Amino acid sequence: MHTSEWYALSLIALEGGLTSGELATRAGLTTGATTRLIDRLERAGYARRAADHRRVVVEPVPDALARIEEVVGPARRHIAEVLSRYTPEQRGLLFHYFEHAAPAFRAATEEIRKTIPRRRKAAKAKDDH
């Protein structure tokens, strides 16, 4: 499981389900990349698309979440070893940073994403002349 898949599945599991658009925004991915990611999670048996009124929600497959611990257990063990080197106060500061850095990176990603179409149009217009 790639980090983007693990992150997306974590978001889906924490929320109990997200629409593709919500997942794209939260994960900082394009809609196309999100669709491919959801397809991979479905093929692996970790998530499924379910109808919720007039929209499709991606939700975790309950039995599959237990299997994930087998996959991520080694990573969690290594991260726990790294974190054990810090005092509780230092860990608190690290967690505080990541809690605020992640939304900042998502906001920056959105700003960048909004400028890309303009850049492409400008480059194409320049090439056409």
N, C-alpha and C. Protein backbone atom coordinates (compact mmCIF):
# COMPACT_ATOMS: atom_id res chain seq x y z
N MET A 1 0.84 -1.17 0.00
CA MET A 1 0.00 0.00 0.00
C MET A 1 0.89 1.24 0.00
N HIS A 2 0.66 2.12 -0.95
CA HIS A 2 1.43 3.36 -1.04
C HIS A 2 0.95 4.35 0.01
N THR A 3 1.79 5.32 0.30
CA THR A 3 1.45 6.30 1.33
C THR A 3 0.18 7.07 0.98
N SER A 4 -0.01 7.39 -0.29
CA SER A 4 -1.22 8.13 -0.67
C SER A 4 -2.46 7.28 -0.43
N GLU A 5 -2.36 5.98 -0.68
CA GLU A 5 -3.48 5.08 -0.44
C GLU A 5 -3.76 4.96 1.06
N TRP A 6 -2.69 4.83 1.84
CA TRP A 6 -2.85 4.73 3.29
C TRP A 6 -3.48 6.00 3.84
N TYR A 7 -2.99 7.15 3.37
CA TYR A 7 -3.52 8.42 3.84
C TYR A 7 -5.00 8.56 3.47
N ALA A 8 -5.34 8.25 2.24
CA ALA A 8 -6.73 8.34 1.79
C ALA A 8 -7.62 7.40 2.59
N LEU A 9 -7.17 6.18 2.80
CA LEU A 9 -7.96 5.22 3.55
C LEU A 9 -8.12 5.67 5.00
N SER A 10 -7.09 6.28 5.55
CA SER A 10 -7.19 6.82 6.92
C SER A 10 -8.26 7.90 6.98
N LEU A 11 -8.27 8.79 5.99
CA LEU A 11 -9.29 9.85 5.94
C LEU A 11 -10.69 9.25 5.83
N ILE A 12 -10.82 8.28 4.94
CA ILE A 12 -12.12 7.63 4.73
C ILE A 12 -12.59 6.95 6.02
N ALA A 13 -11.68 6.24 6.67
CA ALA A 13 -12.04 5.52 7.90
C ALA A 13 -12.39 6.48 9.02
N LEU A 14 -11.63 7.57 9.16
CA LEU A 14 -11.90 8.54 10.22
C LEU A 14 -13.27 9.20 10.05
N GLU A 15 -13.63 9.47 8.82
CA GLU A 15 -14.91 10.14 8.55
C GLU A 15 -16.06 9.16 8.39
N GLY A 16 -15.75 7.89 8.21
CA GLY A 16 -16.79 6.90 7.96
C GLY A 16 -17.22 6.85 6.52
N GLY A 17 -16.64 7.74 5.70
CA GLY A 17 -16.93 7.81 4.27
C GLY A 17 -16.81 9.24 3.79
N LEU A 18 -16.36 9.39 2.56
CA LEU A 18 -16.21 10.70 1.92
C LEU A 18 -16.61 10.58 0.46
N THR A 19 -17.11 11.65 -0.10
CA THR A 19 -17.32 11.65 -1.54
C THR A 19 -15.96 11.75 -2.21
N SER A 20 -15.91 11.44 -3.48
CA SER A 20 -14.66 11.53 -4.23
C SER A 20 -14.11 12.95 -4.18
N GLY A 21 -14.99 13.94 -4.32
CA GLY A 21 -14.56 15.34 -4.28
C GLY A 21 -14.01 15.73 -2.93
N GLU A 22 -14.67 15.28 -1.86
CA GLU A 22 -14.17 15.57 -0.51
C GLU A 22 -12.81 14.93 -0.29
N LEU A 23 -12.67 13.70 -0.76
CA LEU A 23 -11.39 13.00 -0.62
C LEU A 23 -10.30 13.71 -1.41
N ALA A 24 -10.62 14.14 -2.63
CA ALA A 24 -9.64 14.86 -3.45
C ALA A 24 -9.16 16.12 -2.74
N THR A 25 -10.10 16.88 -2.19
CA THR A 25 -9.74 18.11 -1.49
C THR A 25 -8.90 17.83 -0.26
N ARG A 26 -9.32 16.87 0.54
CA ARG A 26 -8.61 16.57 1.79
C ARG A 26 -7.23 15.98 1.53
N ALA A 27 -7.11 15.18 0.46
CA ALA A 27 -5.83 14.54 0.16
C ALA A 27 -4.93 15.41 -0.72
N GLY A 28 -5.49 16.50 -1.25
CA GLY A 28 -4.70 17.38 -2.11
C GLY A 28 -4.40 16.77 -3.47
N LEU A 29 -5.35 15.99 -4.00
CA LEU A 29 -5.17 15.32 -5.28
C LEU A 29 -6.14 15.88 -6.31
N THR A 30 -5.82 15.66 -7.57
CA THR A 30 -6.75 16.01 -8.63
C THR A 30 -7.89 14.99 -8.62
N THR A 31 -8.98 15.33 -9.28
CA THR A 31 -10.11 14.40 -9.33
C THR A 31 -9.74 13.11 -10.06
N GLY A 32 -8.94 13.23 -11.12
CA GLY A 32 -8.51 12.04 -11.85
C GLY A 32 -7.63 11.14 -11.00
N ALA A 33 -6.69 11.73 -10.29
CA ALA A 33 -5.81 10.94 -9.41
C ALA A 33 -6.62 10.29 -8.29
N THR A 34 -7.62 11.00 -7.81
CA THR A 34 -8.46 10.46 -6.74
C THR A 34 -9.28 9.28 -7.25
N THR A 35 -9.81 9.38 -8.44
CA THR A 35 -10.57 8.26 -9.02
C THR A 35 -9.68 7.03 -9.14
N ARG A 36 -8.46 7.21 -9.64
CA ARG A 36 -7.54 6.08 -9.77
C ARG A 36 -7.18 5.50 -8.40
N LEU A 37 -7.01 6.36 -7.40
CA LEU A 37 -6.69 5.92 -6.06
C LEU A 37 -7.85 5.10 -5.48
N ILE A 38 -9.07 5.59 -5.66
CA ILE A 38 -10.25 4.86 -5.18
C ILE A 38 -10.35 3.51 -5.89
N ASP A 39 -10.09 3.49 -7.18
CA ASP A 39 -10.11 2.23 -7.93
C ASP A 39 -9.12 1.23 -7.32
N ARG A 40 -7.91 1.71 -6.98
CA ARG A 40 -6.90 0.82 -6.38
C ARG A 40 -7.36 0.32 -5.01
N LEU A 41 -7.95 1.20 -4.21
CA LEU A 41 -8.44 0.78 -2.89
C LEU A 41 -9.56 -0.24 -3.01
N GLU A 42 -10.42 -0.06 -4.02
CA GLU A 42 -11.50 -1.03 -4.25
C GLU A 42 -10.93 -2.38 -4.69
N ARG A 43 -9.99 -2.35 -5.64
CA ARG A 43 -9.39 -3.60 -6.13
C ARG A 43 -8.71 -4.37 -5.00
N ALA A 44 -8.09 -3.62 -4.08
CA ALA A 44 -7.39 -4.25 -2.95
C ALA A 44 -8.36 -4.71 -1.86
N GLY A 45 -9.64 -4.30 -1.97
CA GLY A 45 -10.65 -4.72 -1.00
C GLY A 45 -10.69 -3.87 0.27
N TYR A 46 -10.10 -2.66 0.24
CA TYR A 46 -10.08 -1.80 1.41
C TYR A 46 -11.24 -0.80 1.46
N ALA A 47 -11.78 -0.44 0.32
CA ALA A 47 -12.85 0.56 0.27
C ALA A 47 -13.86 0.15 -0.80
N ARG A 48 -15.02 0.79 -0.72
CA ARG A 48 -16.06 0.54 -1.72
C ARG A 48 -16.84 1.83 -1.94
N ARG A 49 -17.41 1.93 -3.12
CA ARG A 49 -18.29 3.06 -3.44
C ARG A 49 -19.71 2.65 -3.07
N ALA A 50 -20.40 3.54 -2.38
CA ALA A 50 -21.77 3.25 -1.97
C ALA A 50 -22.65 4.46 -2.27
N ALA A 51 -23.88 4.20 -2.69
CA ALA A 51 -24.82 5.29 -2.97
C ALA A 51 -25.35 5.84 -1.65
N ASP A 52 -25.35 7.16 -1.55
CA ASP A 52 -25.87 7.85 -0.38
C ASP A 52 -26.74 8.98 -0.89
N HIS A 53 -28.05 8.73 -0.98
CA HIS A 53 -29.00 9.66 -1.59
C HIS A 53 -28.63 9.85 -3.06
N ARG A 54 -28.21 11.06 -3.45
CA ARG A 54 -27.90 11.29 -4.86
C ARG A 54 -26.40 11.39 -5.11
N ARG A 55 -25.60 10.93 -4.20
CA ARG A 55 -24.15 11.01 -4.40
C ARG A 55 -23.51 9.68 -4.05
N VAL A 56 -22.30 9.53 -4.50
CA VAL A 56 -21.54 8.32 -4.22
C VAL A 56 -20.53 8.63 -3.13
N VAL A 57 -20.51 7.78 -2.12
CA VAL A 57 -19.60 7.94 -1.00
C VAL A 57 -18.63 6.77 -1.00
N VAL A 58 -17.37 7.07 -0.77
CA VAL A 58 -16.36 6.03 -0.65
C VAL A 58 -16.25 5.71 0.83
N GLU A 59 -16.46 4.44 1.16
CA GLU A 59 -16.43 4.05 2.57
C GLU A 59 -15.48 2.87 2.76
N PRO A 60 -14.96 2.74 3.98
CA PRO A 60 -14.05 1.62 4.23
C PRO A 60 -14.80 0.30 4.29
N VAL A 61 -14.15 -0.75 3.91
CA VAL A 61 -14.71 -2.09 4.05
C VAL A 61 -14.31 -2.56 5.46
N PRO A 62 -15.29 -2.73 6.36
CA PRO A 62 -14.97 -2.98 7.77
C PRO A 62 -13.98 -4.11 8.02
N ASP A 63 -14.18 -5.26 7.42
CA ASP A 63 -13.28 -6.39 7.67
C ASP A 63 -11.87 -6.13 7.15
N ALA A 64 -11.77 -5.29 6.15
CA ALA A 64 -10.46 -5.02 5.55
C ALA A 64 -9.59 -4.15 6.46
N LEU A 65 -10.21 -3.34 7.31
CA LEU A 65 -9.43 -2.44 8.16
C LEU A 65 -8.54 -3.22 9.12
N ALA A 66 -8.97 -4.38 9.56
CA ALA A 66 -8.14 -5.21 10.44
C ALA A 66 -6.89 -5.68 9.70
N ARG A 67 -7.03 -5.97 8.40
CA ARG A 67 -5.87 -6.41 7.61
C ARG A 67 -4.85 -5.30 7.43
N ILE A 68 -5.31 -4.06 7.49
CA ILE A 68 -4.41 -2.93 7.29
C ILE A 68 -3.36 -2.87 8.39
N GLU A 69 -3.77 -3.22 9.60
CA GLU A 69 -2.81 -3.19 10.72
C GLU A 69 -1.62 -4.08 10.42
N GLU A 70 -1.85 -5.21 9.76
CA GLU A 70 -0.74 -6.09 9.38
C GLU A 70 0.21 -5.37 8.43
N VAL A 71 -0.36 -4.56 7.54
CA VAL A 71 0.45 -3.86 6.54
C VAL A 71 1.22 -2.71 7.17
N VAL A 72 0.54 -1.93 8.01
CA VAL A 72 1.17 -0.72 8.54
C VAL A 72 1.86 -0.93 9.88
N GLY A 73 1.71 -2.10 10.46
CA GLY A 73 2.34 -2.40 11.74
C GLY A 73 3.83 -2.09 11.77
N PRO A 74 4.60 -2.55 10.78
CA PRO A 74 6.04 -2.23 10.79
C PRO A 74 6.32 -0.73 10.72
N ALA A 75 5.55 0.00 9.93
CA ALA A 75 5.76 1.45 9.84
C ALA A 75 5.45 2.10 11.18
N ARG A 76 4.38 1.69 11.80
CA ARG A 76 4.03 2.26 13.11
C ARG A 76 5.11 1.96 14.14
N ARG A 77 5.66 0.77 14.10
CA ARG A 77 6.72 0.38 15.03
C ARG A 77 7.94 1.28 14.85
N HIS A 78 8.33 1.52 13.59
CA HIS A 78 9.50 2.38 13.31
C HIS A 78 9.25 3.82 13.74
N ILE A 79 8.05 4.32 13.46
CA ILE A 79 7.71 5.69 13.87
C ILE A 79 7.70 5.79 15.40
N ALA A 80 7.17 4.77 16.07
CA ALA A 80 7.17 4.77 17.53
C ALA A 80 8.59 4.82 18.08
N GLU A 81 9.52 4.10 17.42
CA GLU A 81 10.93 4.13 17.84
C GLU A 81 11.50 5.54 17.71
N VAL A 82 11.18 6.21 16.61
CA VAL A 82 11.66 7.58 16.40
C VAL A 82 11.07 8.50 17.47
N LEU A 83 9.77 8.41 17.68
CA LEU A 83 9.10 9.28 18.65
C LEU A 83 9.58 9.05 20.07
N SER A 84 10.01 7.83 20.37
CA SER A 84 10.47 7.53 21.73
C SER A 84 11.74 8.30 22.09
N ARG A 85 12.43 8.85 21.10
CA ARG A 85 13.65 9.64 21.34
C ARG A 85 13.34 11.04 21.87
N TYR A 86 12.08 11.44 21.83
CA TYR A 86 11.68 12.78 22.22
C TYR A 86 10.96 12.76 23.56
N THR A 87 11.06 13.86 24.27
CA THR A 87 10.33 13.99 25.54
C THR A 87 8.85 14.20 25.21
N PRO A 88 7.98 13.99 26.18
CA PRO A 88 6.56 14.25 25.94
C PRO A 88 6.31 15.68 25.45
N GLU A 89 7.04 16.65 25.99
CA GLU A 89 6.87 18.03 25.56
C GLU A 89 7.29 18.21 24.10
N GLN A 90 8.41 17.59 23.72
CA GLN A 90 8.87 17.69 22.33
C GLN A 90 7.89 17.01 21.39
N ARG A 91 7.35 15.87 21.79
CA ARG A 91 6.36 15.19 20.95
C ARG A 91 5.13 16.06 20.80
N GLY A 92 4.73 16.73 21.86
CA GLY A 92 3.59 17.63 21.79
C GLY A 92 3.82 18.73 20.76
N LEU A 93 5.03 19.27 20.74
CA LEU A 93 5.37 20.30 19.76
C LEU A 93 5.36 19.74 18.34
N LEU A 94 5.91 18.54 18.17
CA LEU A 94 5.88 17.90 16.85
C LEU A 94 4.45 17.67 16.38
N PHE A 95 3.61 17.14 17.24
CA PHE A 95 2.22 16.87 16.86
C PHE A 95 1.50 18.17 16.55
N HIS A 96 1.77 19.21 17.32
CA HIS A 96 1.17 20.52 17.07
C HIS A 96 1.57 21.02 15.68
N TYR A 97 2.85 20.89 15.36
CA TYR A 97 3.34 21.32 14.05
C TYR A 97 2.60 20.58 12.93
N PHE A 98 2.57 19.26 13.01
CA PHE A 98 1.95 18.48 11.94
C PHE A 98 0.45 18.73 11.85
N GLU A 99 -0.19 18.96 12.98
CA GLU A 99 -1.62 19.27 12.97
C GLU A 99 -1.89 20.55 12.18
N HIS A 100 -0.99 21.51 12.26
CA HIS A 100 -1.19 22.78 11.56
C HIS A 100 -0.51 22.82 10.19
N ALA A 101 0.55 22.05 10.02
CA ALA A 101 1.26 22.04 8.74
C ALA A 101 0.44 21.35 7.65
N ALA A 102 -0.23 20.27 7.99
CA ALA A 102 -0.99 19.52 6.98
C ALA A 102 -2.06 20.40 6.33
N PRO A 103 -2.88 21.13 7.09
CA PRO A 103 -3.85 22.01 6.43
C PRO A 103 -3.19 23.12 5.62
N ALA A 104 -2.04 23.60 6.09
CA ALA A 104 -1.33 24.64 5.35
C ALA A 104 -0.84 24.11 4.01
N PHE A 105 -0.33 22.89 3.99
CA PHE A 105 0.10 22.29 2.73
C PHE A 105 -1.08 22.05 1.80
N ARG A 106 -2.23 21.64 2.36
CA ARG A 106 -3.43 21.45 1.53
C ARG A 106 -3.87 22.78 0.92
N ALA A 107 -3.85 23.84 1.73
CA ALA A 107 -4.24 25.16 1.22
C ALA A 107 -3.28 25.62 0.12
N ALA A 108 -1.99 25.39 0.33
CA ALA A 108 -1.00 25.77 -0.70
C ALA A 108 -1.22 24.96 -1.97
N THR A 109 -1.53 23.69 -1.82
CA THR A 109 -1.79 22.84 -2.98
C THR A 109 -2.98 23.37 -3.77
N GLU A 110 -4.02 23.78 -3.07
CA GLU A 110 -5.20 24.34 -3.74
C GLU A 110 -4.84 25.62 -4.49
N GLU A 111 -4.04 26.49 -3.87
CA GLU A 111 -3.62 27.72 -4.54
C GLU A 111 -2.83 27.41 -5.80
N ILE A 112 -1.92 26.47 -5.70
CA ILE A 112 -1.11 26.08 -6.86
C ILE A 112 -2.00 25.49 -7.95
N ARG A 113 -2.92 24.61 -7.54
CA ARG A 113 -3.81 23.95 -8.50
C ARG A 113 -4.64 24.98 -9.26
N LYS A 114 -5.06 26.04 -8.60
CA LYS A 114 -5.88 27.07 -9.24
C LYS A 114 -5.08 27.87 -10.27
N THR A 115 -3.77 27.96 -10.12
CA THR A 115 -2.96 28.72 -11.07
C THR A 115 -2.50 27.88 -12.25
N ILE A 116 -2.52 26.57 -12.13
CA ILE A 116 -2.01 25.71 -13.20
C ILE A 116 -2.79 25.87 -14.50
N PRO A 117 -4.13 25.85 -14.49
CA PRO A 117 -4.84 26.03 -15.77
C PRO A 117 -4.49 27.36 -16.44
N ARG A 118 -4.34 28.41 -15.65
CA ARG A 118 -3.97 29.70 -16.23
C ARG A 118 -2.59 29.65 -16.85
N ARG A 119 -1.67 28.98 -16.19
CA ARG A 119 -0.31 28.87 -16.73
C ARG A 119 -0.31 28.09 -18.04
N ARG A 120 -1.08 27.00 -18.07
CA ARG A 120 -1.14 26.19 -19.29
C ARG A 120 -1.75 26.98 -20.44
N LYS A 121 -2.83 27.72 -20.15
CA LYS A 121 -3.47 28.53 -21.19
C LYS A 121 -2.51 29.61 -21.69
N ALA A 122 -1.79 30.24 -20.78
CA ALA A 122 -0.84 31.27 -21.16
C ALA A 122 0.29 30.69 -22.01
N ALA A 123 0.77 29.53 -21.64
CA ALA A 123 1.86 28.89 -22.41
C ALA A 123 1.36 28.48 -23.79
N LYS A 124 0.13 27.95 -23.85
CA LYS A 124 -0.43 27.54 -25.14
C LYS A 124 -0.63 28.77 -26.04
N ALA A 125 -1.15 29.84 -25.46
CA ALA A 125 -1.36 31.07 -26.24
C ALA A 125 -0.04 31.59 -26.75
N LYS A 126 0.99 31.51 -25.94
CA LYS A 126 2.32 31.96 -26.35
C LYS A 126 2.87 31.09 -27.49
N ASP A 127 2.65 29.77 -27.38
CA ASP A 127 3.11 28.84 -28.43
C ASP A 127 2.36 29.05 -29.74
N ASP A 128 1.08 29.45 -29.65
CA ASP A 128 0.27 29.64 -30.86
C ASP A 128 0.70 30.87 -31.65
N HIS A 129 1.40 31.81 -31.01
CA HIS A 129 1.79 33.04 -31.70
C HIS A 129 3.14 32.94 -32.29
